[in-house]
Amino acid sequence: MPKILVVDDDSHIRDVIRFALAREGHTVVEAENGKRGLMLAASERPDLIVLDIMMPELADAHAHGRQHGAAHRLYPRLRRPCVA
């Protein structure tokens, strides 16, 4: 099954997403902030990244109306799908 990285600063949200994905048989890796997410994305090479774009690291991009590309700007070299 695909490996999915969940990046969210809210532990409850991560728990819900992890539960749903693991229940379907996916391997789930979690990060509590954007910096840790970058590290895990590089080391774990997930098939998909589920990213909270409202985290402090991403708030500026969102506030300036650039939210649609924020995930790919933060993770440009990964060439992995990001769901923000």
Protein backbone atom coordinates (compact mmCIF):
# COMPACT_ATOMS: atom_id res chain seq x y z
CA MET A 1 0.00 0.00 0.00
CA PRO A 2 1.10 3.59 -0.54
CA LYS A 3 2.97 5.47 2.14
CA ILE A 4 1.27 8.75 3.07
CA LEU A 5 2.83 11.65 4.99
CA VAL A 6 0.37 13.69 7.06
CA VAL A 7 1.64 17.15 8.05
CA ASP A 8 -0.57 19.04 10.51
CA ASP A 9 0.12 20.94 13.71
CA ASP A 10 -3.12 19.71 15.29
CA SER A 11 -2.54 16.27 16.83
CA HIS A 12 -6.27 15.48 16.84
CA ILE A 13 -6.51 16.08 13.10
CA ARG A 14 -3.43 13.90 12.52
CA ASP A 15 -5.02 11.16 14.66
CA VAL A 16 -8.26 11.19 12.65
CA ILE A 17 -6.46 11.16 9.30
CA ARG A 18 -4.02 8.46 10.46
CA PHE A 19 -6.87 6.29 11.72
CA ALA A 20 -8.82 6.57 8.46
CA LEU A 21 -5.80 5.91 6.25
CA ALA A 22 -4.40 3.07 8.37
CA ARG A 23 -7.84 1.46 8.41
CA GLU A 24 -7.63 1.29 4.62
CA GLY A 25 -4.23 -0.35 4.86
CA HIS A 26 -1.98 2.63 4.12
CA THR A 27 1.31 3.24 5.86
CA VAL A 28 1.10 6.64 7.57
CA VAL A 29 3.99 8.87 8.60
CA GLU A 30 3.20 11.99 10.65
CA ALA A 31 4.83 15.39 11.12
CA GLU A 32 3.70 18.09 13.52
CA ASN A 33 5.10 21.03 11.56
CA GLY A 34 6.39 22.02 8.13
CA LYS A 35 10.07 21.69 9.04
CA ARG A 36 9.61 18.13 10.31
CA GLY A 37 7.42 17.42 7.29
CA LEU A 38 10.24 18.43 4.95
CA MET A 39 12.68 16.17 6.79
CA LEU A 40 10.30 13.19 6.70
CA ALA A 41 9.34 13.82 3.09
CA ALA A 42 12.99 13.63 2.09
CA SER A 43 13.82 10.60 4.22
CA GLU A 44 10.60 8.58 3.89
CA ARG A 45 9.80 9.42 0.23
CA PRO A 46 6.01 9.14 0.66
CA ASP A 47 3.71 8.46 -2.27
CA LEU A 48 1.36 11.25 -1.15
CA ILE A 49 1.57 14.21 1.23
CA VAL A 50 -1.53 15.48 3.05
CA LEU A 51 -0.62 18.99 4.16
CA ASP A 52 -2.38 21.55 6.37
CA ILE A 53 -1.68 24.84 4.59
CA MET A 54 -2.91 26.85 7.60
CA MET A 55 0.10 25.92 9.74
CA PRO A 56 2.30 28.87 10.79
CA GLU A 57 4.95 27.94 8.21
CA LEU A 58 2.33 28.19 5.45
CA ALA A 59 0.15 31.02 6.75
CA ASP A 60 1.97 33.73 4.79
CA ALA A 61 1.49 31.93 1.49
CA HIS A 62 -2.20 31.48 2.26
CA ALA A 63 -2.68 35.09 3.36
CA HIS A 64 -1.26 36.32 0.09
CA GLY A 65 -3.62 34.19 -2.02
CA ARG A 66 -0.98 31.68 -3.09
CA GLN A 67 -2.39 28.68 -1.22
CA HIS A 68 -2.91 26.55 -4.32
CA GLY A 69 0.83 26.26 -4.96
CA ALA A 70 2.06 26.50 -1.37
CA ALA A 71 2.50 22.77 -0.88
CA HIS A 72 4.50 22.37 -4.05
CA ARG A 73 6.65 25.41 -3.26
CA LEU A 74 7.54 23.92 0.12
CA TYR A 75 8.19 20.47 -1.32
CA PRO A 76 9.47 21.32 -4.82
CA ARG A 77 12.00 18.55 -5.34
CA LEU A 78 9.87 15.71 -4.06
CA ARG A 79 7.77 15.34 -7.20
CA ARG A 80 5.04 13.80 -5.08
CA PRO A 81 1.36 14.67 -5.09
CA CYS A 82 0.35 17.03 -2.28
CA VAL A 83 -3.18 17.39 -1.00
CA ALA A 84 -3.48 20.69 0.83
